[in-house]
């Protein structure tokens, strides 16, 4: 490890520290998304919902890593967390591209699809009017020019790099 990052070296020293950090940060990210949804009233789009799954996988891998005693097994679980975070990074990047119109999202993402059976034209009209619209190609909230997908991209990328570094470190130390 380069001497320029002694704080990272200290964080990675403890047996449970990397898994606990991954668990806490992914849980906080999911809690933030739920807070925006339920307290802030932001209806998540299809991609927003998909971007939650990797954080759930990171939490599961981190919990497994916390339970494992052998260093190499812990390293494997941390590498699974790195893989999940990498998938999350890719999903967030794709979402950013849809928001910025670099490419199109799916029909469910950029248009409104009405589900359910309407028995009359008036029932269909009411169903459409009462369905909350959350389009992936529109930014519903931003801070400092970054959307929630942008923040998720940065968080997921940091988690992927941290989990990769921690997993490789654990695997490199043998089977203690």
N, C-alpha and C. Protein backbone atom coordinates (compact mmCIF):
# COMPACT_ATOMS: atom_id res chain seq x y z
N UNK A 1 0.85 -1.17 0.00
CA UNK A 1 0.00 0.00 0.00
C UNK A 1 0.89 1.23 0.00
N UNK A 2 0.60 2.22 -0.84
CA UNK A 2 1.41 3.44 -0.86
C UNK A 2 1.34 4.16 0.48
N UNK A 3 2.45 4.74 0.93
CA UNK A 3 2.44 5.44 2.21
C UNK A 3 1.56 6.68 2.21
N UNK A 4 1.10 7.12 1.05
CA UNK A 4 0.25 8.31 0.97
C UNK A 4 -1.14 8.06 1.53
N UNK A 5 -1.50 6.79 1.74
CA UNK A 5 -2.83 6.46 2.23
C UNK A 5 -2.77 5.70 3.56
N UNK A 6 -2.13 6.25 4.59
CA UNK A 6 -2.03 5.51 5.86
C UNK A 6 -3.38 5.30 6.53
N UNK A 7 -4.33 6.23 6.34
CA UNK A 7 -5.65 6.06 6.95
C UNK A 7 -6.36 4.86 6.38
N UNK A 8 -6.20 4.60 5.07
CA UNK A 8 -6.82 3.44 4.45
C UNK A 8 -6.16 2.17 4.96
N UNK A 9 -4.87 2.21 5.16
CA UNK A 9 -4.15 1.07 5.71
C UNK A 9 -4.69 0.71 7.10
N UNK A 10 -4.93 1.70 7.92
CA UNK A 10 -5.46 1.45 9.27
C UNK A 10 -6.88 0.89 9.22
N UNK A 11 -7.70 1.40 8.30
CA UNK A 11 -9.08 0.90 8.18
C UNK A 11 -9.08 -0.57 7.78
N UNK A 12 -8.17 -0.94 6.89
CA UNK A 12 -8.14 -2.31 6.38
C UNK A 12 -7.49 -3.29 7.37
N UNK A 13 -6.87 -2.79 8.42
CA UNK A 13 -6.17 -3.64 9.39
C UNK A 13 -7.12 -4.56 10.14
N UNK A 14 -8.21 -4.02 10.64
CA UNK A 14 -9.13 -4.82 11.46
C UNK A 14 -9.81 -5.90 10.66
N UNK A 15 -10.05 -7.06 11.28
CA UNK A 15 -10.66 -8.20 10.60
C UNK A 15 -12.05 -7.86 10.07
N UNK A 16 -12.87 -7.20 10.88
CA UNK A 16 -14.25 -6.94 10.50
C UNK A 16 -14.47 -5.56 9.91
N UNK A 17 -13.48 -4.70 10.00
CA UNK A 17 -13.67 -3.30 9.60
C UNK A 17 -14.14 -3.12 8.15
N UNK A 18 -13.49 -3.75 7.17
CA UNK A 18 -13.95 -3.52 5.78
C UNK A 18 -15.40 -3.96 5.56
N UNK A 19 -15.78 -5.12 6.09
CA UNK A 19 -17.15 -5.60 5.92
C UNK A 19 -18.13 -4.67 6.63
N UNK A 20 -17.76 -4.21 7.82
CA UNK A 20 -18.65 -3.31 8.56
C UNK A 20 -18.82 -1.99 7.82
N UNK A 21 -17.76 -1.49 7.22
CA UNK A 21 -17.84 -0.24 6.46
C UNK A 21 -18.73 -0.42 5.23
N UNK A 22 -18.54 -1.52 4.50
CA UNK A 22 -19.39 -1.79 3.33
C UNK A 22 -20.85 -1.92 3.73
N UNK A 23 -21.09 -2.63 4.82
CA UNK A 23 -22.45 -2.81 5.31
C UNK A 23 -23.08 -1.46 5.67
N UNK A 24 -22.35 -0.66 6.41
CA UNK A 24 -22.88 0.63 6.86
C UNK A 24 -23.15 1.58 5.69
N UNK A 25 -22.22 1.65 4.74
CA UNK A 25 -22.39 2.59 3.63
C UNK A 25 -23.50 2.16 2.68
N UNK A 26 -23.61 0.87 2.41
CA UNK A 26 -24.70 0.42 1.53
C UNK A 26 -26.05 0.57 2.23
N UNK A 27 -26.10 0.27 3.53
CA UNK A 27 -27.35 0.45 4.27
C UNK A 27 -27.74 1.93 4.31
N UNK A 28 -26.76 2.81 4.49
CA UNK A 28 -27.05 4.25 4.50
C UNK A 28 -27.53 4.72 3.13
N UNK A 29 -26.95 4.17 2.07
CA UNK A 29 -27.37 4.54 0.71
C UNK A 29 -28.82 4.11 0.47
N UNK A 30 -29.14 2.88 0.86
CA UNK A 30 -30.53 2.41 0.71
C UNK A 30 -31.48 3.22 1.58
N UNK A 31 -31.06 3.53 2.79
CA UNK A 31 -31.90 4.34 3.69
C UNK A 31 -32.14 5.72 3.09
N UNK A 32 -31.11 6.28 2.48
CA UNK A 32 -31.27 7.58 1.83
C UNK A 32 -32.26 7.52 0.68
N UNK A 33 -32.18 6.46 -0.13
CA UNK A 33 -33.13 6.30 -1.24
C UNK A 33 -34.56 6.18 -0.71
N UNK A 34 -34.74 5.41 0.35
CA UNK A 34 -36.08 5.26 0.93
C UNK A 34 -36.56 6.55 1.56
N UNK A 35 -35.66 7.31 2.14
CA UNK A 35 -36.02 8.60 2.72
C UNK A 35 -36.49 9.57 1.63
N UNK A 36 -35.75 9.61 0.51
CA UNK A 36 -36.17 10.45 -0.61
C UNK A 36 -37.54 10.01 -1.12
N UNK A 37 -37.78 8.69 -1.14
CA UNK A 37 -39.04 8.17 -1.66
C UNK A 37 -40.20 8.45 -0.71
N UNK A 38 -40.06 8.09 0.56
CA UNK A 38 -41.20 8.15 1.46
C UNK A 38 -41.34 9.48 2.20
N UNK A 39 -40.24 10.10 2.56
CA UNK A 39 -40.32 11.39 3.25
C UNK A 39 -40.29 12.55 2.26
N UNK A 40 -39.53 12.37 1.18
CA UNK A 40 -39.40 13.44 0.20
C UNK A 40 -40.42 13.40 -0.92
N UNK A 41 -41.12 12.29 -1.04
CA UNK A 41 -42.16 12.18 -2.07
C UNK A 41 -41.64 11.97 -3.47
N UNK A 42 -40.38 11.59 -3.65
CA UNK A 42 -39.85 11.33 -4.98
C UNK A 42 -40.17 9.90 -5.38
N UNK A 43 -40.95 9.75 -6.42
CA UNK A 43 -41.31 8.42 -6.91
C UNK A 43 -40.11 7.88 -7.69
N UNK A 44 -39.61 6.70 -7.31
CA UNK A 44 -38.45 6.16 -8.03
C UNK A 44 -38.84 5.63 -9.41
N UNK A 45 -37.96 5.84 -10.36
CA UNK A 45 -38.18 5.28 -11.69
C UNK A 45 -37.72 3.82 -11.69
N UNK A 46 -37.89 3.16 -12.81
CA UNK A 46 -37.52 1.76 -12.93
C UNK A 46 -36.03 1.55 -12.66
N UNK A 47 -35.18 2.40 -13.21
CA UNK A 47 -33.74 2.25 -13.00
C UNK A 47 -33.36 2.53 -11.55
N UNK A 48 -34.03 3.48 -10.92
CA UNK A 48 -33.77 3.76 -9.50
C UNK A 48 -34.00 2.50 -8.66
N UNK A 49 -35.07 1.79 -8.98
CA UNK A 49 -35.38 0.57 -8.24
C UNK A 49 -34.33 -0.50 -8.51
N UNK A 50 -33.90 -0.64 -9.76
CA UNK A 50 -32.86 -1.62 -10.10
C UNK A 50 -31.55 -1.31 -9.39
N UNK A 51 -31.25 -0.02 -9.21
CA UNK A 51 -30.00 0.37 -8.59
C UNK A 51 -29.95 0.02 -7.10
N UNK A 52 -31.06 -0.33 -6.52
CA UNK A 52 -31.08 -0.73 -5.11
C UNK A 52 -30.60 -2.16 -4.92
N UNK A 53 -30.80 -3.01 -5.90
CA UNK A 53 -30.44 -4.43 -5.76
C UNK A 53 -28.95 -4.65 -5.48
N UNK A 54 -28.03 -3.98 -6.17
CA UNK A 54 -26.62 -4.20 -5.83
C UNK A 54 -26.29 -3.83 -4.38
N UNK A 55 -26.93 -2.79 -3.85
CA UNK A 55 -26.67 -2.43 -2.46
C UNK A 55 -27.18 -3.53 -1.52
N UNK A 56 -28.29 -4.15 -1.87
CA UNK A 56 -28.78 -5.27 -1.08
C UNK A 56 -27.80 -6.44 -1.14
N UNK A 57 -27.22 -6.67 -2.30
CA UNK A 57 -26.22 -7.74 -2.44
C UNK A 57 -24.94 -7.41 -1.67
N UNK A 58 -24.54 -6.15 -1.67
CA UNK A 58 -23.36 -5.74 -0.89
C UNK A 58 -23.61 -5.98 0.59
N UNK A 59 -24.80 -5.64 1.06
CA UNK A 59 -25.15 -5.86 2.46
C UNK A 59 -25.08 -7.35 2.79
N UNK A 60 -25.62 -8.19 1.93
CA UNK A 60 -25.59 -9.64 2.16
C UNK A 60 -24.15 -10.16 2.18
N UNK A 61 -23.33 -9.73 1.22
CA UNK A 61 -21.93 -10.18 1.18
C UNK A 61 -21.15 -9.68 2.39
N UNK A 62 -21.43 -8.46 2.82
CA UNK A 62 -20.75 -7.91 3.99
C UNK A 62 -21.15 -8.67 5.25
N UNK A 63 -22.42 -9.02 5.37
CA UNK A 63 -22.87 -9.81 6.52
C UNK A 63 -22.20 -11.17 6.54
N UNK A 64 -22.08 -11.78 5.37
CA UNK A 64 -21.39 -13.07 5.28
C UNK A 64 -19.93 -12.91 5.68
N UNK A 65 -19.29 -11.86 5.19
CA UNK A 65 -17.88 -11.62 5.53
C UNK A 65 -17.71 -11.41 7.04
N UNK A 66 -18.68 -10.76 7.67
CA UNK A 66 -18.60 -10.56 9.12
C UNK A 66 -18.72 -11.88 9.88
N UNK A 67 -19.43 -12.84 9.32
CA UNK A 67 -19.63 -14.12 9.99
C UNK A 67 -18.47 -15.10 9.77
N UNK A 68 -17.71 -14.90 8.70
CA UNK A 68 -16.65 -15.84 8.37
C UNK A 68 -15.40 -15.59 9.21
N UNK A 69 -14.76 -16.69 9.62
CA UNK A 69 -13.57 -16.58 10.44
C UNK A 69 -12.28 -16.65 9.61
N UNK A 70 -12.30 -17.45 8.57
CA UNK A 70 -11.08 -17.60 7.75
C UNK A 70 -10.91 -16.38 6.86
N UNK A 71 -9.70 -15.89 6.86
CA UNK A 71 -9.38 -14.67 6.11
C UNK A 71 -9.66 -14.83 4.62
N UNK A 72 -9.29 -15.97 4.04
CA UNK A 72 -9.51 -16.15 2.60
C UNK A 72 -11.00 -16.20 2.27
N UNK A 73 -11.78 -16.82 3.12
CA UNK A 73 -13.23 -16.86 2.89
C UNK A 73 -13.81 -15.45 3.01
N UNK A 74 -13.34 -14.69 3.98
CA UNK A 74 -13.76 -13.29 4.11
C UNK A 74 -13.38 -12.51 2.87
N UNK A 75 -12.18 -12.76 2.37
CA UNK A 75 -11.73 -12.08 1.15
C UNK A 75 -12.64 -12.39 -0.03
N UNK A 76 -13.07 -13.66 -0.13
CA UNK A 76 -13.99 -14.03 -1.21
C UNK A 76 -15.32 -13.30 -1.09
N UNK A 77 -15.83 -13.20 0.13
CA UNK A 77 -17.10 -12.48 0.34
C UNK A 77 -16.93 -11.00 0.01
N UNK A 78 -15.78 -10.42 0.36
CA UNK A 78 -15.53 -9.01 0.03
C UNK A 78 -15.41 -8.82 -1.48
N UNK A 79 -14.84 -9.80 -2.17
CA UNK A 79 -14.77 -9.70 -3.63
C UNK A 79 -16.16 -9.82 -4.26
N UNK A 80 -17.05 -10.60 -3.64
CA UNK A 80 -18.44 -10.64 -4.11
C UNK A 80 -19.10 -9.27 -3.93
N UNK A 81 -18.80 -8.63 -2.81
CA UNK A 81 -19.32 -7.27 -2.58
C UNK A 81 -18.77 -6.32 -3.64
N UNK A 82 -17.49 -6.50 -4.00
CA UNK A 82 -16.89 -5.65 -5.04
C UNK A 82 -17.59 -5.86 -6.37
N UNK A 83 -17.93 -7.11 -6.68
CA UNK A 83 -18.65 -7.41 -7.92
C UNK A 83 -20.04 -6.76 -7.91
N UNK A 84 -20.74 -6.88 -6.80
CA UNK A 84 -22.07 -6.26 -6.69
C UNK A 84 -21.97 -4.74 -6.83
N UNK A 85 -20.97 -4.14 -6.19
CA UNK A 85 -20.80 -2.69 -6.29
C UNK A 85 -20.43 -2.28 -7.72
N UNK A 86 -19.69 -3.12 -8.42
CA UNK A 86 -19.35 -2.83 -9.81
C UNK A 86 -20.60 -2.86 -10.69
N UNK A 87 -21.48 -3.81 -10.43
CA UNK A 87 -22.75 -3.86 -11.16
C UNK A 87 -23.56 -2.59 -10.86
N UNK A 88 -23.57 -2.18 -9.60
CA UNK A 88 -24.26 -0.95 -9.22
C UNK A 88 -23.68 0.27 -9.90
N UNK A 89 -22.35 0.29 -10.04
CA UNK A 89 -21.69 1.40 -10.74
C UNK A 89 -22.13 1.43 -12.20
N UNK A 90 -22.19 0.26 -12.83
CA UNK A 90 -22.63 0.19 -14.22
C UNK A 90 -24.07 0.62 -14.41
N UNK A 91 -24.94 0.17 -13.52
CA UNK A 91 -26.36 0.58 -13.59
C UNK A 91 -26.51 2.07 -13.41
N UNK A 92 -25.78 2.63 -12.45
CA UNK A 92 -25.87 4.08 -12.21
C UNK A 92 -25.35 4.85 -13.42
N UNK A 93 -24.26 4.36 -14.02
CA UNK A 93 -23.72 5.03 -15.21
C UNK A 93 -24.74 4.98 -16.36
N UNK A 94 -25.36 3.83 -16.54
CA UNK A 94 -26.39 3.71 -17.56
C UNK A 94 -27.53 4.70 -17.30
N UNK A 95 -27.94 4.81 -16.04
CA UNK A 95 -29.02 5.73 -15.66
C UNK A 95 -28.61 7.18 -15.95
N UNK A 96 -27.38 7.53 -15.64
CA UNK A 96 -26.89 8.88 -15.95
C UNK A 96 -26.98 9.14 -17.44
N UNK A 97 -26.59 8.14 -18.25
CA UNK A 97 -26.67 8.29 -19.70
C UNK A 97 -28.08 8.49 -20.19
N UNK A 98 -29.04 7.80 -19.57
CA UNK A 98 -30.45 7.99 -19.95
C UNK A 98 -30.90 9.39 -19.55
N UNK A 99 -30.51 9.83 -18.34
CA UNK A 99 -30.89 11.18 -17.89
C UNK A 99 -30.33 12.26 -18.79
N UNK A 100 -29.12 12.08 -19.25
CA UNK A 100 -28.45 13.09 -20.07
C UNK A 100 -28.72 12.90 -21.57
N UNK A 101 -29.58 11.91 -21.89
CA UNK A 101 -29.98 11.63 -23.28
C UNK A 101 -28.79 11.23 -24.14
N UNK A 102 -27.81 10.55 -23.54
CA UNK A 102 -26.71 9.97 -24.32
C UNK A 102 -27.21 8.74 -25.06
N UNK A 103 -28.20 8.06 -24.47
CA UNK A 103 -28.85 6.91 -25.08
C UNK A 103 -30.26 6.82 -24.51
N UNK A 104 -31.08 5.99 -25.15
CA UNK A 104 -32.47 5.84 -24.69
C UNK A 104 -32.57 4.72 -23.67
N UNK A 105 -33.48 4.89 -22.74
CA UNK A 105 -33.79 3.82 -21.80
C UNK A 105 -34.85 2.92 -22.40
N UNK A 106 -35.30 1.97 -21.62
CA UNK A 106 -36.35 1.06 -22.10
C UNK A 106 -37.67 1.82 -22.21
N UNK A 107 -38.65 1.20 -22.84
CA UNK A 107 -39.97 1.83 -22.99
C UNK A 107 -40.61 2.07 -21.62
N UNK A 108 -40.39 1.16 -20.69
CA UNK A 108 -40.94 1.32 -19.34
C UNK A 108 -40.25 2.46 -18.60
N UNK A 109 -39.06 2.79 -19.05
CA UNK A 109 -38.26 3.80 -18.36
C UNK A 109 -38.51 5.21 -18.89
N UNK A 110 -38.81 5.33 -20.15
CA UNK A 110 -38.95 6.66 -20.74
C UNK A 110 -40.38 6.98 -21.15
N UNK A 111 -41.26 6.03 -20.95
CA UNK A 111 -42.67 6.26 -21.27
C UNK A 111 -43.52 5.67 -20.18
N UNK A 112 -44.75 5.99 -20.18
CA UNK A 112 -45.65 5.49 -19.15
C UNK A 112 -46.37 4.26 -19.66
N UNK A 113 -46.22 3.17 -18.93
CA UNK A 113 -46.93 1.94 -19.27
C UNK A 113 -48.01 1.74 -18.23
N UNK A 114 -49.22 1.57 -18.69
CA UNK A 114 -50.34 1.38 -17.78
C UNK A 114 -50.59 -0.12 -17.66
N UNK A 115 -50.66 -0.60 -16.42
CA UNK A 115 -50.92 -2.02 -16.20
C UNK A 115 -52.29 -2.17 -15.56
N UNK A 116 -52.82 -3.34 -15.67
CA UNK A 116 -54.13 -3.60 -15.08
C UNK A 116 -55.21 -3.50 -16.14
N UNK A 117 -56.33 -4.02 -15.80
CA UNK A 117 -57.43 -4.04 -16.76
C UNK A 117 -58.39 -2.89 -16.47
N UNK A 118 -58.61 -2.08 -17.48
CA UNK A 118 -59.62 -1.02 -17.38
C UNK A 118 -60.83 -1.48 -18.17
N UNK A 119 -62.00 -1.36 -17.56
CA UNK A 119 -63.21 -1.88 -18.18
C UNK A 119 -63.92 -0.86 -19.07
N UNK A 120 -63.48 0.38 -18.99
CA UNK A 120 -64.08 1.40 -19.84
C UNK A 120 -63.03 2.46 -20.14
N UNK A 121 -63.37 3.30 -21.09
CA UNK A 121 -62.46 4.38 -21.44
C UNK A 121 -62.27 5.33 -20.27
N UNK A 122 -63.30 5.59 -19.53
CA UNK A 122 -63.22 6.47 -18.35
C UNK A 122 -62.35 5.83 -17.26
N UNK A 123 -62.47 4.51 -17.07
CA UNK A 123 -61.64 3.83 -16.07
C UNK A 123 -60.17 3.87 -16.48
N UNK A 124 -59.91 3.70 -17.76
CA UNK A 124 -58.53 3.81 -18.26
C UNK A 124 -57.99 5.22 -18.06
N UNK A 125 -58.81 6.21 -18.35
CA UNK A 125 -58.41 7.61 -18.17
C UNK A 125 -58.06 7.88 -16.72
N UNK A 126 -58.91 7.42 -15.80
CA UNK A 126 -58.65 7.63 -14.37
C UNK A 126 -57.39 6.89 -13.91
N UNK A 127 -57.18 5.71 -14.45
CA UNK A 127 -55.99 4.94 -14.10
C UNK A 127 -54.72 5.68 -14.55
N UNK A 128 -54.76 6.22 -15.74
CA UNK A 128 -53.62 6.98 -16.26
C UNK A 128 -53.38 8.24 -15.43
N UNK A 129 -54.44 8.96 -15.12
CA UNK A 129 -54.31 10.20 -14.35
C UNK A 129 -53.84 9.95 -12.92
N UNK A 130 -54.16 8.80 -12.35
CA UNK A 130 -53.80 8.51 -10.97
C UNK A 130 -52.47 7.78 -10.82
N UNK A 131 -51.85 7.41 -11.92
CA UNK A 131 -50.58 6.71 -11.86
C UNK A 131 -49.44 7.72 -11.76
N UNK A 132 -48.60 7.61 -10.69
CA UNK A 132 -47.47 8.53 -10.59
C UNK A 132 -46.47 8.23 -11.71
N UNK A 133 -45.96 9.29 -12.31
CA UNK A 133 -45.04 9.14 -13.43
C UNK A 133 -43.62 9.41 -12.93
N UNK A 134 -42.78 8.44 -13.12
CA UNK A 134 -41.36 8.60 -12.79
C UNK A 134 -40.57 8.14 -14.00
N UNK A 135 -40.09 9.08 -14.75
CA UNK A 135 -39.35 8.76 -15.96
C UNK A 135 -37.87 8.77 -15.67
N UNK A 136 -37.17 7.79 -16.21
CA UNK A 136 -35.73 7.66 -16.00
C UNK A 136 -34.94 8.74 -16.72
N UNK A 137 -35.53 9.32 -17.77
CA UNK A 137 -34.79 10.30 -18.56
C UNK A 137 -34.99 11.73 -18.07
N UNK A 138 -35.59 11.88 -16.90
CA UNK A 138 -35.76 13.20 -16.30
C UNK A 138 -35.17 13.19 -14.90
N UNK A 139 -34.40 14.20 -14.59
CA UNK A 139 -33.80 14.32 -13.26
C UNK A 139 -34.85 14.91 -12.32
N UNK A 140 -35.19 14.16 -11.28
CA UNK A 140 -36.21 14.64 -10.35
C UNK A 140 -35.60 15.41 -9.18
N UNK A 141 -34.30 15.25 -8.94
CA UNK A 141 -33.61 15.94 -7.84
C UNK A 141 -32.13 15.99 -8.18
N UNK A 142 -31.52 17.12 -7.88
CA UNK A 142 -30.07 17.22 -8.07
C UNK A 142 -29.49 18.19 -7.05
N UNK A 143 -28.21 18.02 -6.78
CA UNK A 143 -27.46 18.89 -5.89
C UNK A 143 -26.07 19.04 -6.48
N UNK A 144 -25.65 20.28 -6.66
CA UNK A 144 -24.34 20.58 -7.26
C UNK A 144 -24.20 19.97 -8.65
N UNK A 145 -25.31 19.90 -9.37
CA UNK A 145 -25.29 19.39 -10.74
C UNK A 145 -25.29 17.87 -10.86
N UNK A 146 -25.38 17.16 -9.73
CA UNK A 146 -25.42 15.70 -9.77
C UNK A 146 -26.80 15.21 -9.36
N UNK A 147 -27.33 14.28 -10.13
CA UNK A 147 -28.60 13.66 -9.80
C UNK A 147 -28.37 12.56 -8.76
N UNK A 148 -29.45 11.97 -8.31
CA UNK A 148 -29.31 10.83 -7.40
C UNK A 148 -28.55 9.69 -8.06
N UNK A 149 -28.76 9.49 -9.35
CA UNK A 149 -28.01 8.46 -10.07
C UNK A 149 -26.52 8.80 -10.09
N UNK A 150 -26.19 10.08 -10.20
CA UNK A 150 -24.79 10.50 -10.16
C UNK A 150 -24.16 10.23 -8.81
N UNK A 151 -24.89 10.52 -7.74
CA UNK A 151 -24.37 10.23 -6.41
C UNK A 151 -24.24 8.73 -6.19
N UNK A 152 -25.22 7.97 -6.70
CA UNK A 152 -25.13 6.52 -6.57
C UNK A 152 -23.93 5.99 -7.35
N UNK A 153 -23.64 6.57 -8.50
CA UNK A 153 -22.47 6.17 -9.27
C UNK A 153 -21.19 6.36 -8.45
N UNK A 154 -21.04 7.53 -7.83
CA UNK A 154 -19.85 7.82 -7.04
C UNK A 154 -19.74 6.90 -5.82
N UNK A 155 -20.86 6.69 -5.14
CA UNK A 155 -20.86 5.82 -3.96
C UNK A 155 -20.54 4.38 -4.37
N UNK A 156 -21.19 3.89 -5.42
CA UNK A 156 -20.97 2.52 -5.86
C UNK A 156 -19.53 2.31 -6.34
N UNK A 157 -18.99 3.29 -7.04
CA UNK A 157 -17.60 3.18 -7.49
C UNK A 157 -16.65 3.13 -6.31
N UNK A 158 -16.86 3.98 -5.31
CA UNK A 158 -16.01 3.97 -4.12
C UNK A 158 -16.14 2.64 -3.38
N UNK A 159 -17.36 2.13 -3.26
CA UNK A 159 -17.56 0.84 -2.60
C UNK A 159 -16.89 -0.30 -3.37
N UNK A 160 -16.96 -0.26 -4.69
CA UNK A 160 -16.33 -1.30 -5.51
C UNK A 160 -14.82 -1.30 -5.32
N UNK A 161 -14.23 -0.12 -5.37
CA UNK A 161 -12.78 -0.03 -5.20
C UNK A 161 -12.36 -0.45 -3.80
N UNK A 162 -13.08 0.02 -2.79
CA UNK A 162 -12.75 -0.33 -1.41
C UNK A 162 -12.89 -1.83 -1.18
N UNK A 163 -14.00 -2.43 -1.65
CA UNK A 163 -14.23 -3.87 -1.46
C UNK A 163 -13.18 -4.68 -2.21
N UNK A 164 -12.80 -4.24 -3.41
CA UNK A 164 -11.77 -4.94 -4.17
C UNK A 164 -10.44 -4.90 -3.44
N UNK A 165 -10.07 -3.74 -2.96
CA UNK A 165 -8.82 -3.59 -2.21
C UNK A 165 -8.84 -4.45 -0.94
N UNK A 166 -9.94 -4.40 -0.20
CA UNK A 166 -10.05 -5.17 1.04
C UNK A 166 -10.06 -6.67 0.76
N UNK A 167 -10.78 -7.09 -0.28
CA UNK A 167 -10.83 -8.50 -0.63
C UNK A 167 -9.49 -9.04 -1.08
N UNK A 168 -8.80 -8.29 -1.91
CA UNK A 168 -7.47 -8.71 -2.37
C UNK A 168 -6.50 -8.77 -1.22
N UNK A 169 -6.59 -7.83 -0.32
CA UNK A 169 -5.72 -7.82 0.85
C UNK A 169 -5.96 -9.04 1.71
N UNK A 170 -7.24 -9.38 1.93
CA UNK A 170 -7.57 -10.55 2.75
C UNK A 170 -7.11 -11.83 2.07
N UNK A 171 -7.25 -11.93 0.77
CA UNK A 171 -6.81 -13.13 0.06
C UNK A 171 -5.29 -13.25 0.05
N UNK A 172 -4.61 -12.13 0.04
CA UNK A 172 -3.15 -12.15 -0.01
C UNK A 172 -2.49 -12.52 1.29
N UNK A 173 -3.22 -12.56 2.37
CA UNK A 173 -2.63 -12.83 3.68
C UNK A 173 -2.69 -14.29 4.09
N UNK A 174 -3.17 -15.16 3.24
CA UNK A 174 -3.21 -16.58 3.63
C UNK A 174 -4.54 -16.97 4.21
N UNK A 175 -4.58 -18.15 4.84
CA UNK A 175 -5.84 -18.70 5.30
C UNK A 175 -6.04 -18.59 6.80
N UNK A 176 -5.45 -17.65 7.43
CA UNK A 176 -5.61 -17.48 8.88
C UNK A 176 -7.02 -17.12 9.24
